Protein backbone atom coordinates (compact mmCIF):
# COMPACT_ATOMS: atom_id res chain seq x y z
CA MET A 1 52.06 -39.72 -98.88
CA GLU A 2 51.92 -42.68 -96.42
CA PRO A 3 54.72 -42.73 -93.65
CA LEU A 4 57.30 -45.43 -93.97
CA THR A 5 56.48 -48.61 -91.79
CA PRO A 6 59.27 -49.66 -89.33
CA GLN A 7 60.31 -52.55 -91.79
CA GLU A 8 60.57 -49.94 -94.65
CA LEU A 9 62.62 -47.54 -92.64
CA ASP A 10 65.07 -50.37 -91.61
CA GLU A 11 65.37 -51.25 -95.34
CA PHE A 12 66.09 -47.75 -96.39
CA MET A 13 68.68 -47.24 -93.69
CA ARG A 14 70.28 -50.54 -94.78
CA ARG A 15 70.62 -49.33 -98.38
CA ALA A 16 71.98 -45.97 -97.40
CA ARG A 17 74.73 -47.44 -95.27
CA GLY A 18 75.63 -49.77 -98.18
CA ARG A 19 75.92 -46.87 -100.55
CA GLY A 20 77.97 -44.85 -98.17
CA ALA A 21 80.44 -47.70 -97.51
CA SER A 22 80.92 -48.09 -101.15
CA LEU A 23 82.03 -44.53 -101.71
CA THR A 24 85.74 -43.55 -101.76
CA GLN A 25 86.96 -40.63 -99.40
CA GLU A 26 87.24 -38.24 -102.24
CA GLU A 27 83.55 -39.16 -103.42
CA ALA A 28 82.23 -38.64 -99.83
CA ARG A 29 83.99 -35.31 -99.43
CA ALA A 30 82.45 -34.09 -102.85
CA ARG A 31 79.05 -35.13 -101.66
CA LEU A 32 79.27 -33.49 -98.37
CA ALA A 33 80.91 -30.26 -99.45
CA PRO A 34 78.59 -27.54 -101.02
CA ALA A 35 79.42 -26.51 -104.56
CA ASP A 36 81.08 -23.21 -105.08
CA SER A 37 77.92 -21.90 -106.66
CA GLU A 38 76.02 -22.71 -103.52
CA MET A 39 78.48 -20.85 -101.35
CA GLU A 40 78.45 -17.87 -103.57
CA GLY A 41 74.71 -17.84 -103.57
CA LEU A 42 74.66 -18.12 -99.63
CA ALA A 43 76.96 -15.27 -99.28
CA GLN A 44 74.91 -13.08 -101.59
CA ASN A 45 71.62 -14.01 -99.74
CA GLN A 46 73.09 -13.16 -96.36
CA GLY A 47 74.93 -9.98 -97.50
CA VAL A 48 78.47 -11.47 -96.73
CA GLU A 49 81.27 -9.42 -98.02
CA GLU A 50 84.67 -10.92 -99.15
CA VAL A 51 86.56 -11.84 -96.14
CA ASP A 52 89.97 -10.35 -95.70
CA SER A 53 92.67 -12.87 -96.01
CA SER A 54 94.66 -11.74 -92.88
CA ALA A 55 91.51 -12.01 -90.88
CA ALA A 56 90.69 -15.44 -92.27
CA ALA A 57 94.17 -16.56 -91.43
CA ARG A 58 93.72 -15.37 -87.79
CA LEU A 59 90.47 -17.21 -87.40
CA SER A 60 91.97 -20.44 -88.94
CA GLU A 61 94.98 -20.16 -86.57
CA GLN A 62 92.77 -19.62 -83.52
CA PHE A 63 89.95 -22.12 -84.26
CA PHE A 64 91.54 -24.70 -86.47
CA SER A 65 95.19 -25.13 -85.48
CA GLY A 66 94.41 -27.89 -83.11
CA GLU A 67 95.53 -25.86 -80.06
CA ALA A 68 93.16 -24.33 -77.55
CA ALA A 69 92.66 -20.76 -77.63
CA GLN A 70 94.39 -18.71 -74.86
CA MET A 71 91.56 -17.81 -72.55
CA ARG A 72 91.71 -16.87 -68.89
CA PRO A 73 89.79 -19.54 -66.92
CA ARG A 74 87.01 -18.28 -64.74
CA ARG A 75 88.01 -18.52 -61.08
CA LEU A 76 85.99 -20.58 -58.76
CA VAL A 77 85.98 -17.73 -56.22
CA GLN A 78 84.44 -14.65 -57.79
CA GLY A 79 84.32 -12.31 -54.69
CA LEU A 80 84.18 -12.29 -50.85
CA VAL A 81 81.44 -11.09 -48.52
CA PHE A 82 82.59 -9.96 -45.11
CA ASP A 83 80.74 -9.14 -41.96
CA PHE A 84 81.96 -5.83 -40.32
CA ASP A 85 81.87 -5.93 -36.56
CA ASN A 86 84.49 -8.26 -35.02
CA THR A 87 85.46 -9.35 -38.59
CA LEU A 88 87.01 -6.40 -40.29
CA ALA A 89 86.57 -3.85 -37.50
CA ARG A 90 86.31 -3.88 -33.64
CA LEU A 91 85.44 -1.38 -30.93
CA ASN A 92 88.15 0.18 -28.92
CA ARG A 93 85.83 0.77 -25.92
CA PRO A 94 83.23 -1.29 -24.20
CA HIS A 95 79.98 -1.20 -26.03
CA GLU A 96 77.96 -0.78 -22.90
CA GLU A 97 79.90 2.38 -21.88
CA LEU A 98 79.42 3.89 -25.54
CA MET A 99 75.67 3.15 -25.58
CA LYS A 100 75.26 4.73 -22.04
CA GLN A 101 77.26 7.77 -23.01
CA GLY A 102 75.27 8.23 -26.36
CA ALA A 103 71.90 7.80 -24.74
CA GLN A 104 72.50 10.58 -22.25
CA THR A 105 73.75 12.85 -25.05
CA ALA A 106 70.63 12.16 -27.13
CA VAL A 107 68.37 12.82 -24.16
CA ASP A 108 70.00 16.05 -23.33
CA TYR A 109 69.51 17.12 -26.88
CA MET A 110 65.81 16.21 -27.05
CA ARG A 111 65.29 18.29 -23.80
CA SER A 112 67.07 21.19 -25.17
CA THR A 113 64.56 21.31 -28.22
CA GLY A 114 61.58 21.60 -25.85
CA MET A 115 60.91 17.96 -25.00
CA THR A 116 61.14 18.86 -21.20
CA ASP A 117 58.60 16.35 -19.92
CA LEU A 118 60.53 13.28 -20.81
CA PRO A 119 60.88 10.70 -17.94
CA ASP A 120 63.83 10.96 -15.71
CA GLU A 121 64.90 7.50 -16.59
CA ILE A 122 64.49 7.83 -20.30
CA ALA A 123 68.24 7.42 -21.12
CA GLU A 124 68.14 3.96 -19.49
CA HIS A 125 65.07 3.08 -21.42
CA LEU A 126 66.76 4.17 -24.74
CA VAL A 127 69.50 1.60 -24.17
CA GLU A 128 66.97 -1.18 -23.19
CA ALA A 129 64.87 -0.31 -26.22
CA ARG A 130 67.69 -0.69 -28.51
CA ILE A 131 68.70 -4.13 -27.09
CA PHE A 132 65.18 -5.11 -27.22
CA ALA A 133 64.86 -3.95 -30.93
CA GLU A 134 67.91 -5.88 -31.86
CA THR A 135 66.68 -9.13 -30.23
CA LYS A 136 63.37 -8.82 -31.92
CA SER A 137 64.97 -8.08 -35.33
CA ASP A 138 67.03 -11.21 -34.82
CA ASP A 139 64.07 -13.32 -34.04
CA GLU A 140 61.97 -12.18 -36.92
CA GLN A 141 64.94 -11.70 -39.33
CA GLU A 142 63.63 -8.11 -40.11
CA GLU A 143 65.26 -5.03 -39.25
CA HIS A 144 63.51 -2.69 -36.73
CA THR A 145 65.40 0.63 -37.49
CA ALA A 146 66.86 2.78 -34.83
CA ASP A 147 64.58 5.67 -35.85
CA ASP A 148 61.51 3.52 -35.55
CA THR A 149 62.68 2.22 -32.06
CA LEU A 150 63.13 5.72 -30.64
CA SER A 151 59.65 6.81 -31.95
CA PHE A 152 57.95 3.62 -30.40
CA LEU A 153 59.82 4.22 -27.12
CA LEU A 154 58.64 7.72 -26.85
CA GLN A 155 54.98 6.72 -27.46
CA PHE A 156 55.37 3.83 -25.01
CA VAL A 157 56.27 6.30 -22.16
CA GLY A 158 53.37 8.26 -23.02
CA TYR A 159 55.00 11.22 -25.16
CA PRO A 160 52.31 12.46 -27.64
CA ALA A 161 53.17 11.53 -31.36
CA SER A 162 51.71 14.94 -32.41
CA ARG A 163 54.59 16.77 -30.71
CA MET A 164 57.32 14.69 -32.08
CA ASN A 165 59.61 16.36 -34.72
CA GLU A 166 61.04 13.97 -37.22
CA GLU A 167 64.20 15.92 -37.73
CA VAL A 168 64.73 16.08 -33.84
CA LEU A 169 64.36 12.47 -33.44
CA ARG A 170 66.65 11.71 -36.36
CA ARG A 171 69.27 13.99 -34.80
CA ALA A 172 68.72 12.19 -31.41
CA VAL A 173 69.38 8.90 -32.90
CA ASP A 174 72.68 10.22 -34.51
CA LEU A 175 73.75 11.41 -31.21
CA PHE A 176 72.82 8.18 -29.51
CA TYR A 177 75.15 6.21 -31.87
CA ALA A 178 77.86 9.07 -32.27
CA PRO A 179 80.32 7.55 -29.56
CA GLU A 180 80.26 4.31 -31.47
CA MET A 181 81.00 6.10 -34.82
CA THR A 182 84.49 7.01 -34.04
CA ALA A 183 85.17 3.93 -31.71
CA TRP A 184 85.42 1.48 -34.55
CA GLU A 185 88.94 0.62 -35.74
CA PRO A 186 90.10 -1.85 -38.43
CA MET A 187 90.77 -5.35 -37.14
CA PRO A 188 94.50 -6.19 -37.20
CA GLY A 189 95.46 -7.27 -40.65
CA ALA A 190 92.26 -6.03 -42.13
CA VAL A 191 93.83 -3.28 -44.33
CA GLU A 192 96.74 -5.67 -45.55
CA LEU A 193 94.18 -8.19 -46.40
CA LEU A 194 91.73 -5.99 -48.29
CA GLU A 195 94.68 -4.62 -50.23
CA ARG A 196 95.99 -7.95 -51.20
CA LEU A 197 92.50 -8.97 -52.38
CA ARG A 198 92.14 -5.89 -54.41
CA GLY A 199 95.46 -6.42 -56.02
CA GLU A 200 94.47 -9.93 -56.99
CA GLY A 201 91.34 -8.80 -58.50
CA PHE A 202 88.79 -10.14 -55.98
CA PRO A 203 85.78 -7.79 -55.45
CA VAL A 204 84.85 -7.36 -51.81
CA ALA A 205 81.51 -6.67 -50.32
CA VAL A 206 80.52 -5.85 -46.52
CA ILE A 207 76.98 -6.90 -45.49
CA ALA A 208 76.08 -6.16 -41.79
CA ASN A 209 73.18 -6.36 -39.46
CA TYR A 210 72.79 -2.72 -38.22
CA ALA A 211 69.72 -0.68 -37.27
CA SER A 212 70.58 2.51 -39.12
CA ASP A 213 72.15 2.59 -42.52
CA ARG A 214 73.30 6.27 -42.47
CA ILE A 215 75.14 5.55 -39.31
CA PHE A 216 76.67 2.32 -40.49
CA GLN A 217 77.87 4.10 -43.79
CA ARG A 218 79.61 6.75 -41.61
CA ILE A 219 81.24 4.14 -39.51
CA VAL A 220 82.83 2.51 -42.34
CA ASP A 221 84.06 5.90 -43.65
CA TYR A 222 85.68 6.61 -40.18
CA THR A 223 87.52 3.36 -40.31
CA GLY A 224 89.09 3.96 -43.74
CA LEU A 225 87.86 0.79 -45.35
CA ARG A 226 85.53 2.28 -47.82
CA ALA A 227 88.17 2.49 -50.55
CA TYR A 228 88.41 -1.28 -50.49
CA LEU A 229 84.77 -2.08 -50.89
CA ASP A 230 82.77 -2.71 -54.02
CA VAL A 231 79.52 -2.98 -52.01
CA CYS A 232 78.73 -1.79 -48.48
CA LEU A 233 75.24 -2.89 -47.28
CA SER A 234 73.47 -2.88 -44.03
CA SER A 235 70.24 -4.59 -42.94
CA ALA A 236 68.64 -1.29 -42.25
CA ALA A 237 68.80 -0.39 -46.04
CA VAL A 238 66.87 -3.50 -47.16
CA GLU A 239 65.02 -4.48 -43.87
CA TRP A 240 66.29 -7.94 -44.00
CA ARG A 241 68.83 -9.45 -41.52
CA LYS A 242 71.37 -12.01 -42.16
CA PRO A 243 70.89 -15.10 -42.35
CA VAL A 244 67.97 -14.30 -44.82
CA LYS A 245 69.30 -15.19 -48.17
CA GLU A 246 67.64 -12.12 -49.98
CA ILE A 247 70.16 -9.76 -48.33
CA TYR A 248 72.86 -11.32 -50.63
CA ASP A 249 70.93 -10.58 -53.87
CA THR A 250 72.48 -7.18 -54.54
CA VAL A 251 75.96 -8.74 -54.36
CA LEU A 252 75.15 -11.61 -56.72
CA ASN A 253 73.45 -9.23 -59.16
CA ARG A 254 76.10 -6.76 -59.22
CA TRP A 255 78.94 -9.39 -59.70
CA ASP A 256 76.92 -11.43 -62.05
CA ALA A 257 78.02 -14.43 -59.91
CA GLU A 258 76.55 -17.87 -58.67
CA ALA A 259 76.23 -18.16 -54.90
CA TYR A 260 78.60 -21.00 -54.91
CA GLU A 261 81.23 -18.68 -56.31
CA LEU A 262 81.20 -16.45 -53.19
CA VAL A 263 83.03 -16.82 -49.84
CA CYS A 264 81.13 -15.50 -46.80
CA VAL A 265 83.44 -14.50 -43.94
CA GLY A 266 82.19 -13.44 -40.47
CA ASP A 267 82.40 -13.97 -36.65
CA SER A 268 78.87 -15.23 -36.12
CA LEU A 269 77.83 -18.85 -36.83
CA LYS A 270 74.22 -17.77 -36.74
CA HIS A 271 74.36 -14.83 -39.00
CA ASP A 272 77.34 -14.95 -41.23
CA VAL A 273 77.93 -18.71 -41.65
CA ALA A 274 74.47 -19.72 -41.67
CA GLY A 275 73.74 -17.04 -44.10
CA GLY A 276 76.39 -18.11 -46.50
CA GLN A 277 75.08 -21.63 -46.23
CA GLU A 278 71.63 -20.55 -46.96
CA ILE A 279 72.70 -19.43 -50.36
CA GLY A 280 75.16 -22.20 -51.00
CA ALA A 281 78.34 -20.16 -50.64
CA LEU A 282 81.65 -21.22 -49.09
CA THR A 283 81.89 -20.10 -45.40
CA VAL A 284 84.67 -18.96 -43.19
CA HIS A 285 84.16 -18.53 -39.35
CA CYS A 286 86.43 -15.77 -37.76
CA ARG A 287 87.27 -16.47 -34.23
CA MET A 288 89.40 -13.34 -33.51
CA ILE A 289 86.77 -12.14 -31.01
CA PRO A 290 84.72 -15.32 -30.27
CA LEU A 291 80.89 -14.86 -29.59
CA ALA A 292 79.28 -16.73 -26.54
CA GLU A 293 76.22 -17.55 -28.45
CA ASP A 294 78.42 -19.56 -30.97
CA GLN A 295 79.10 -22.16 -28.32
CA ARG A 296 75.61 -23.60 -28.53
CA LEU A 297 75.76 -23.74 -32.29
CA VAL A 298 79.15 -25.36 -33.08
CA ASP A 299 77.56 -28.74 -33.51
CA SER A 300 74.72 -27.61 -35.82
CA ILE A 301 76.41 -25.01 -38.00
CA ARG A 302 79.68 -26.08 -39.46
CA PRO A 303 81.57 -23.59 -41.60
CA ASP A 304 83.98 -24.84 -44.49
CA ALA A 305 86.96 -23.27 -42.63
CA VAL A 306 87.86 -21.62 -39.19
CA ILE A 307 90.49 -18.92 -38.90
CA GLU A 308 92.03 -17.32 -35.85
CA LYS A 309 93.38 -14.39 -37.73
CA LEU A 310 92.75 -12.55 -41.05
CA SER A 311 96.10 -13.32 -42.51
CA GLU A 312 95.06 -16.86 -42.76
CA LEU A 313 92.40 -16.13 -45.28
CA PRO A 314 94.48 -15.81 -48.58
CA ALA A 315 95.74 -19.28 -48.33
CA LEU A 316 92.16 -20.56 -48.23
CA ILE A 317 91.02 -18.46 -51.19
CA GLU A 318 94.04 -19.62 -53.33
CA LYS A 319 93.19 -23.26 -52.32
CA TRP A 320 89.61 -22.82 -53.30
CA CYS A 321 90.32 -21.04 -56.52
């Protein structure tokens, strides 16, 4: 069969329109509606049983009453991702003091296990190695863990790898960080904020750059904030550091959310705000404890909002929802 030419197709459509225009409304409905016999055949072919009259009435009321069904709209904010340090929690003692105390405790423990030929200044080196590893991790955006840092330091000062005991080094790292574990306390207003968010149905995650996941998880437990968190993740657990966008994948997948439905809250423009912007989230910069490095970034990294205290956050969330 030859296909219709453009001229023949136009003539066919003209005639069809003419016939349609000449039909009454009743005739048009009769032509469009399937015959009862056709409906019965369709039901039999598809195994459809007789529909309960009350169920049909409910369906008719919901879909054909002319009124929209009562459905809860999806909120524009599906969850919040917080930084930990200087955002939800703060240290109650100077960090330098805590590191110095922990380093000496760790060295004393290693010597007690038979590592007696460690250099005299090894405690100072341990603090320096930690700071260097954090800087290197920041530059490379990949986490150099605390366990690896201690192992590399011992090799650097000439301690034979063959004499290292993995469990001893792991315990030494725990002792190094031990003074910090109990020195963290919730930021003023943090518990009240998290309780409010939970009451309003917002899931909350914490994502932090930290060199040891097992230590970080203990810190969170000591602060008493665990009960309010749906996700608690450190960079050491995934080996990426904020602002690398992959570190947010766990939260996005768990909440089945789009990145633009998240609010990222933190004290660091470089890590928290830039990380949120990298994935396309809303961002809030916390300035309860300002960071010196942020001063050189204020013109290049601009958050969606800035708060001076956590109690200001709920109003922002309500506005964005």
